[in-house]
Amino acid sequence: MGHRGIASQGALIVAVLVAALAPAHVAGQSAAPAADGWTASMTPWGDPDLQGIWNFGTITPLERPDEYGDREFLTPEEIARLNAQSDSRADVRPANAVRDVELAYNQVWWDMGSAIGRTSLIVDPPNGKLPPYTPEGRKRLEALGDGLGGERGYDSWESRSLSERCLVYRPVPVRSSGYNNNNQIVQTPGYVAMLQEQIHEVRIIPLDGRPHLGDGIRQWLGDSRGHWEGKTLVVETTNFNHKTNYQAAGGNRRVVERFTRVDADTLRYEFTVTDPTTWARSWTGEVPWQKTEGPIFEYACHEGNYGMTNLLNGARVQEKAAAGATSK
C-alpha cells in the first residue's frame, strides 16, 4: 500500500461536500465553563463543537486477554511496559522470516497509539469479551478465518479481503490499526461529515430526523443518521452491504455510536453493536480519541498496490509446484 506526502484529497472532498450542504459560518460560540475550568465550545448554530482531527490509535485490544481474568484496568507499570514494547516492536529485525514479513516496516512506519488503561475496549459484557456467537455467527467466523478481513482464498482478487482490495479499511464501528488512525470531523447546520482517510472514506451524517434508506440499498459503511442528546452526538448506522465483515457480522448489524467531547483534547467514543444473527446479545466498547494536528496525508491505496499482484502470483507458483510434485 502506498503513501504520498501531499495534503489529503479526502480532506478536500469533505470541505467541498460540507460547503455544498450549508452556508458557511465563522467563529464558534462558547458554552459555560465546566467544573474543571474547561469551556466547551459550540458552533454558531448552537450544536456542541466536535470539529477537528482526532487520533483513535490504541494498542488496547478489543477483547480482554485471558491473562487479566476479571480485571478491568491495568496498573501504571503494566501500561508503561506495554507502551514500551509497542514503541520498539520493529526496531530489531527477527531471525524468523515469517515474523519479519508480518512486521512489514521498521519502527518509524508504525503509529499504533498507546494503552488506554483498560484491559479491553469492550466494557459490556463486563468480562471484556464478545458475547457468545450464535451457530450461524460461529459458522461465518470459522469460514472467514479472522475477525475483520474477509474470505482468505487465493483464486482471485475477489476472494481477498475488502481492505486488501482497497474498498473498505475502517468498518463501522471505527477500530484502530498500525497507522493512519485519524478521523476528521466537520460540521454544518443539519449535517456532520467524518473523513477516514484510509481508504478515502467519507461519512455524511444527516441530523434532520429523516428515515434510513430502504432495505434494498446497502453500502460499505452503512447508512448513518444522527441526533443530539445533550452534548453527545448519537449516530445509528444500518443498511451495511452484506459483503462487509465485522467480527463475522455482516449486513445485519446495527451500530449506535456516541461522540462526546469531554475536554479540549479528548473525544469519548462509545459504540454498541447489535446483530442477533451473529451474537447472543449486544455488546459495547469505548475508546478516547485525542486531538491531533493536521493535515491528514493521502493514503494512496491502489497506487502501488503490488501486494495483491504478488499474492496471486505467489499462489499460482505454489499451485504449479504442487502439481509438479503430484505428477512425479
Protein backbone atom coordinates (compact mmCIF):
# COMPACT_ATOMS: atom_id res chain seq x y z
CA MET A 1 0.00 0.00 0.00
CA GLY A 2 1.43 3.36 -0.96
CA HIS A 3 1.69 6.65 0.89
CA ARG A 4 2.15 10.11 -0.55
CA GLY A 5 3.31 13.19 1.31
CA ILE A 6 0.70 15.58 -0.01
CA ALA A 7 -2.38 17.14 1.53
CA SER A 8 -5.25 14.68 1.58
CA GLN A 9 -7.57 14.66 -1.39
CA GLY A 10 -10.13 13.19 1.00
CA ALA A 11 -9.95 16.28 3.18
CA LEU A 12 -10.70 18.38 0.13
CA ILE A 13 -13.69 16.17 -0.62
CA VAL A 14 -15.05 16.78 2.88
CA ALA A 15 -14.60 20.52 2.54
CA VAL A 16 -16.39 20.62 -0.80
CA LEU A 17 -19.26 18.42 0.35
CA VAL A 18 -19.82 20.29 3.57
CA ALA A 19 -19.64 23.64 1.81
CA ALA A 20 -22.36 22.45 -0.54
CA LEU A 21 -24.60 21.27 2.27
CA ALA A 22 -25.00 24.55 4.11
CA PRO A 23 -23.87 28.18 4.17
CA ALA A 24 -20.53 28.89 5.76
CA HIS A 25 -20.28 30.08 9.37
CA VAL A 26 -17.34 31.59 11.15
CA ALA A 27 -16.11 31.71 14.74
CA GLY A 28 -17.74 29.31 17.16
CA GLN A 29 -19.60 30.15 20.32
CA SER A 30 -18.70 29.03 23.83
CA ALA A 31 -20.79 27.35 26.46
CA ALA A 32 -20.50 27.86 30.21
CA PRO A 33 -17.18 26.78 31.76
CA ALA A 34 -17.08 23.20 33.06
CA ALA A 35 -16.26 22.40 36.68
CA ASP A 36 -12.60 21.77 35.82
CA GLY A 37 -12.27 25.13 34.07
CA TRP A 38 -12.56 23.82 30.52
CA THR A 39 -15.09 25.69 28.40
CA ALA A 40 -16.98 23.61 25.88
CA SER A 41 -17.22 25.34 22.53
CA MET A 42 -20.41 25.48 20.49
CA THR A 43 -20.96 26.03 16.79
CA PRO A 44 -22.55 29.32 15.69
CA TRP A 45 -25.87 27.47 15.25
CA GLY A 46 -25.77 26.03 18.77
CA ASP A 47 -24.53 22.44 18.43
CA PRO A 48 -21.62 21.10 20.51
CA ASP A 49 -18.42 21.59 18.54
CA LEU A 50 -16.72 18.27 17.76
CA GLN A 51 -14.69 19.57 14.82
CA GLY A 52 -11.05 18.79 14.32
CA ILE A 53 -8.71 15.92 13.54
CA TRP A 54 -8.87 13.12 16.09
CA ASN A 55 -6.50 10.21 16.59
CA PHE A 56 -8.09 6.97 17.80
CA GLY A 57 -4.97 4.78 17.77
CA THR A 58 -4.52 2.40 20.68
CA ILE A 59 -2.79 -0.89 21.40
CA THR A 60 -5.60 -1.88 23.79
CA PRO A 61 -7.26 -4.97 22.27
CA LEU A 62 -10.97 -5.24 21.53
CA GLU A 63 -11.31 -8.27 23.82
CA ARG A 64 -9.69 -8.79 27.22
CA PRO A 65 -6.78 -11.26 27.14
CA ASP A 66 -7.31 -14.26 29.40
CA GLU A 67 -4.24 -13.36 31.46
CA TYR A 68 -6.12 -10.44 33.05
CA GLY A 69 -9.04 -12.51 34.30
CA ASP A 70 -11.77 -10.21 35.65
CA ARG A 71 -9.55 -7.12 35.83
CA GLU A 72 -10.93 -4.09 34.01
CA PHE A 73 -7.91 -1.79 34.41
CA LEU A 74 -4.15 -2.08 34.01
CA THR A 75 -1.62 -0.95 36.60
CA PRO A 76 0.65 2.01 35.75
CA GLU A 77 3.56 -0.42 35.49
CA GLU A 78 1.68 -2.61 33.02
CA ILE A 79 0.73 0.41 30.91
CA ALA A 80 4.36 1.55 30.74
CA ARG A 81 5.58 -1.93 29.83
CA LEU A 82 3.01 -2.41 27.05
CA ASN A 83 3.72 1.03 25.58
CA ALA A 84 7.47 0.39 25.62
CA GLN A 85 7.01 -2.96 23.87
CA SER A 86 4.81 -1.36 21.22
CA ASP A 87 7.24 1.52 20.65
CA SER A 88 10.13 -0.85 19.96
CA ARG A 89 8.43 -3.89 18.39
CA ALA A 90 10.08 -3.43 14.97
CA ASP A 91 13.43 -1.96 16.00
CA VAL A 92 15.24 -5.29 15.70
CA ARG A 93 14.54 -7.49 12.71
CA PRO A 94 13.67 -11.04 13.79
CA ALA A 95 15.51 -14.07 12.51
CA ASN A 96 12.22 -15.77 11.69
CA ALA A 97 11.35 -14.93 8.07
CA VAL A 98 7.59 -15.18 8.61
CA ARG A 99 7.69 -12.76 11.54
CA ASP A 100 9.90 -10.43 9.53
CA VAL A 101 7.26 -10.25 6.79
CA GLU A 102 4.50 -9.69 9.35
CA LEU A 103 6.29 -6.62 10.73
CA ALA A 104 6.42 -5.23 7.18
CA TYR A 105 8.24 -1.98 8.05
CA ASN A 106 10.74 -0.71 10.56
CA GLN A 107 9.53 1.12 13.66
CA VAL A 108 9.36 4.58 12.07
CA TRP A 109 6.36 3.50 9.98
CA TRP A 110 4.24 2.28 12.89
CA ASP A 111 1.89 4.63 14.75
CA MET A 112 -0.25 2.28 16.79
CA GLY A 113 -1.07 4.56 19.70
CA SER A 114 -0.79 3.69 23.37
CA ALA A 115 -2.68 1.72 26.01
CA ILE A 116 -5.81 3.47 27.29
CA GLY A 117 -5.53 1.90 30.74
CA ARG A 118 -8.26 -0.70 30.27
CA THR A 119 -7.64 -4.36 29.60
CA SER A 120 -10.07 -4.27 26.66
CA LEU A 121 -12.08 -1.83 24.55
CA ILE A 122 -15.19 -3.85 25.34
CA VAL A 123 -16.85 -2.56 28.51
CA ASP A 124 -20.04 -4.63 28.22
CA PRO A 125 -20.24 -7.59 28.73
CA PRO A 126 -18.27 -6.98 31.95
CA ASN A 127 -15.86 -9.82 31.16
CA GLY A 128 -14.46 -7.70 28.33
CA LYS A 129 -15.16 -10.29 25.66
CA LEU A 130 -17.57 -10.59 22.77
CA PRO A 131 -20.85 -12.32 23.64
CA PRO A 132 -21.32 -15.96 22.63
CA TYR A 133 -21.72 -16.44 18.90
CA THR A 134 -24.91 -17.90 17.51
CA PRO A 135 -24.47 -21.10 15.49
CA GLU A 136 -24.81 -19.03 12.32
CA GLY A 137 -22.29 -16.47 13.55
CA ARG A 138 -19.79 -19.14 14.60
CA LYS A 139 -20.04 -20.75 11.18
CA ARG A 140 -19.27 -17.44 9.45
CA LEU A 141 -16.37 -16.70 11.80
CA GLU A 142 -14.76 -20.06 11.15
CA ALA A 143 -15.23 -19.68 7.41
CA LEU A 144 -13.65 -16.24 7.41
CA GLY A 145 -10.64 -17.24 9.42
CA ASP A 146 -10.32 -13.84 11.13
CA GLY A 147 -12.48 -11.10 12.56
CA LEU A 148 -12.14 -8.22 10.12
CA GLY A 149 -10.62 -9.23 6.81
CA GLY A 150 -12.94 -11.39 4.81
CA GLU A 151 -12.56 -14.51 2.72
CA ARG A 152 -8.96 -15.63 2.52
CA GLY A 153 -8.77 -17.59 -0.71
CA TYR A 154 -6.26 -17.01 -3.50
CA ASP A 155 -8.34 -17.78 -6.59
CA SER A 156 -8.70 -14.11 -7.50
CA TRP A 157 -8.74 -10.63 -6.01
CA GLU A 158 -12.43 -11.14 -5.21
CA SER A 159 -11.53 -13.79 -2.62
CA ARG A 160 -9.26 -11.39 -0.73
CA SER A 161 -10.41 -9.02 2.00
CA LEU A 162 -12.09 -5.68 1.33
CA SER A 163 -9.10 -3.85 2.82
CA GLU A 164 -6.62 -5.62 0.55
CA ARG A 165 -8.84 -4.65 -2.37
CA CYS A 166 -8.76 -1.00 -1.24
CA LEU A 167 -12.54 -0.88 -0.78
CA VAL A 168 -13.01 -0.58 3.00
CA TYR A 169 -10.35 -0.42 5.69
CA ARG A 170 -12.17 1.09 8.67
CA PRO A 171 -15.56 -0.57 9.08
CA VAL A 172 -18.18 0.84 11.42
CA PRO A 173 -17.65 0.99 14.37
CA VAL A 174 -14.20 2.53 13.97
CA ARG A 175 -11.20 0.45 15.03
CA SER A 176 -7.51 1.34 15.14
CA SER A 177 -4.65 -0.43 13.44
CA GLY A 178 -0.91 0.09 12.93
CA TYR A 179 -1.08 3.61 11.47
CA ASN A 180 -3.37 6.24 9.89
CA ASN A 181 -5.66 6.23 12.91
CA ASN A 182 -7.15 9.63 12.13
CA ASN A 183 -10.69 10.92 11.70
CA GLN A 184 -11.52 14.47 10.67
CA ILE A 185 -14.91 15.84 11.77
CA VAL A 186 -16.55 18.81 10.05
CA GLN A 187 -19.97 20.22 10.99
CA THR A 188 -22.61 22.37 9.30
CA PRO A 189 -26.21 23.07 10.32
CA GLY A 190 -28.03 19.74 9.94
CA TYR A 191 -25.03 17.60 8.99
CA VAL A 192 -21.83 16.08 10.35
CA ALA A 193 -19.11 14.88 7.96
CA MET A 194 -16.41 12.42 9.00
CA LEU A 195 -13.34 11.72 6.89
CA GLN A 196 -11.45 8.50 7.44
CA GLU A 197 -8.56 8.87 5.02
CA GLN A 198 -7.69 5.19 4.98
CA ILE A 199 -9.20 4.36 2.44
CA HIS A 200 -10.77 7.73 1.45
CA GLU A 201 -13.97 7.02 3.36
CA VAL A 202 -16.31 9.95 4.00
CA ARG A 203 -19.49 9.60 6.04
CA ILE A 204 -22.12 12.32 5.59
CA ILE A 205 -24.48 12.08 8.57
CA PRO A 206 -27.84 13.95 8.40
CA LEU A 207 -29.25 15.28 11.67
CA ASP A 208 -32.75 16.19 10.44
CA GLY A 209 -34.61 13.04 11.52
CA ARG A 210 -35.02 11.55 8.06
CA PRO A 211 -35.58 7.77 7.93
CA HIS A 212 -32.92 5.29 6.91
CA LEU A 213 -32.62 4.20 3.31
CA GLY A 214 -34.77 1.33 2.10
CA ASP A 215 -33.57 -2.16 2.94
CA GLY A 216 -32.59 -2.81 -0.65
CA ILE A 217 -29.90 -0.08 -0.60
CA ARG A 218 -26.76 -1.40 1.06
CA GLN A 219 -23.46 0.50 1.49
CA TRP A 220 -19.93 -0.42 2.59
CA LEU A 221 -20.13 1.89 5.63
CA GLY A 222 -23.87 1.53 6.08
CA ASP A 223 -26.47 4.30 6.24
CA SER A 224 -25.95 6.70 9.15
CA ARG A 225 -28.48 9.01 10.86
CA GLY A 226 -27.58 11.26 13.79
CA HIS A 227 -29.14 13.35 16.53
CA TRP A 228 -28.02 15.20 19.63
CA GLU A 229 -28.62 14.01 23.19
CA GLY A 230 -27.35 16.94 25.23
CA LYS A 231 -23.68 17.37 24.32
CA THR A 232 -23.43 13.86 22.80
CA LEU A 233 -23.77 13.14 19.08
CA VAL A 234 -25.61 9.83 18.68
CA VAL A 235 -25.27 8.11 15.30
CA GLU A 236 -27.24 5.00 14.30
CA THR A 237 -25.96 3.05 11.29
CA THR A 238 -27.79 0.28 9.44
CA ASN A 239 -28.01 -1.00 5.84
CA PHE A 240 -24.49 -2.43 5.63
CA ASN A 241 -23.53 -4.26 2.48
CA HIS A 242 -23.81 -8.00 3.08
CA LYS A 243 -20.25 -8.45 1.80
CA THR A 244 -18.85 -6.45 4.71
CA ASN A 245 -17.45 -8.19 7.76
CA TYR A 246 -17.02 -7.07 11.35
CA GLN A 247 -16.03 -9.91 13.67
CA ALA A 248 -18.15 -12.12 11.35
CA ALA A 249 -21.15 -9.75 11.46
CA GLY A 250 -22.22 -8.53 8.04
CA GLY A 251 -25.20 -6.68 6.64
CA ASN A 252 -27.50 -7.41 9.58
CA ARG A 253 -25.58 -5.43 12.17
CA ARG A 254 -26.86 -2.22 13.75
CA VAL A 255 -24.32 0.15 15.27
CA VAL A 256 -25.01 3.03 17.64
CA GLU A 257 -22.05 5.38 18.16
CA ARG A 258 -21.84 8.14 20.77
CA PHE A 259 -19.38 11.04 20.39
CA THR A 260 -18.88 13.23 23.46
CA ARG A 261 -16.23 15.92 23.82
CA VAL A 262 -15.03 15.71 27.42
CA ASP A 263 -12.27 18.33 27.26
CA ALA A 264 -10.37 20.42 24.73
CA ASP A 265 -8.26 17.49 23.53
CA THR A 266 -10.40 14.40 24.16
CA LEU A 267 -13.45 12.94 22.44
CA ARG A 268 -15.07 9.95 24.13
CA TYR A 269 -16.12 7.39 21.51
CA GLU A 270 -18.61 4.72 22.55
CA PHE A 271 -20.18 2.13 20.29
CA THR A 272 -22.80 -0.57 20.69
CA VAL A 273 -23.13 -3.35 18.13
CA THR A 274 -26.25 -5.46 17.71
CA ASP A 275 -26.69 -8.43 15.38
CA PRO A 276 -28.92 -11.26 16.63
CA THR A 277 -27.80 -13.43 13.71
CA THR A 278 -24.20 -13.24 14.99
CA TRP A 279 -24.23 -12.82 18.78
CA ALA A 280 -26.50 -13.80 21.65
CA ARG A 281 -26.67 -10.16 22.80
CA SER A 282 -25.46 -6.66 22.04
CA TRP A 283 -22.02 -5.50 23.14
CA THR A 284 -20.41 -2.12 23.82
CA GLY A 285 -16.90 -0.72 23.50
CA GLU A 286 -15.27 2.57 24.40
CA VAL A 287 -12.05 4.39 23.47
CA PRO A 288 -10.87 8.01 23.84
CA TRP A 289 -9.95 9.94 20.70
CA GLN A 290 -7.18 12.50 21.08
CA LYS A 291 -6.99 15.85 19.27
CA THR A 292 -4.10 15.98 16.82
CA GLU A 293 -2.57 18.43 14.40
CA GLY A 294 -3.19 18.19 10.67
CA PRO A 295 -3.16 17.96 7.84
CA ILE A 296 -4.13 14.38 7.09
CA PHE A 297 -1.97 12.98 4.31
CA GLU A 298 -3.29 10.91 1.45
CA TYR A 299 -3.32 7.13 1.76
CA ALA A 300 -2.87 6.10 -1.88
CA CYS A 301 -4.10 2.54 -1.55
CA HIS A 302 -4.44 1.42 -5.16
CA GLU A 303 -1.35 3.31 -6.25
CA GLY A 304 1.48 0.84 -5.88
CA ASN A 305 -0.78 -1.94 -4.54
CA TYR A 306 1.64 -4.56 -5.82
CA GLY A 307 0.85 -6.71 -2.79
CA MET A 308 -2.31 -8.02 -4.47
CA THR A 309 -0.41 -8.98 -7.62
CA ASN A 310 2.28 -10.70 -5.59
CA LEU A 311 -0.27 -12.62 -3.52
CA LEU A 312 -1.99 -14.04 -6.56
CA ASN A 313 1.24 -14.70 -8.46
CA GLY A 314 2.64 -16.48 -5.41
CA ALA A 315 -0.43 -18.70 -5.21
CA ARG A 316 -0.03 -19.67 -8.87
CA VAL A 317 3.62 -20.58 -8.27
CA GLN A 318 2.64 -22.76 -5.29
CA GLU A 319 -0.10 -24.46 -7.32
CA LYS A 320 2.33 -25.18 -10.15
CA ALA A 321 4.87 -26.59 -7.73
CA ALA A 322 2.23 -28.77 -6.08
CA ALA A 323 1.00 -30.03 -9.45
CA GLY A 324 4.55 -30.93 -10.45
CA ALA A 325 5.13 -32.81 -7.21
CA THR A 326 1.99 -34.95 -7.60
CA SER A 327 2.79 -35.82 -11.22
CA LYS A 328 6.10 -37.46 -10.30
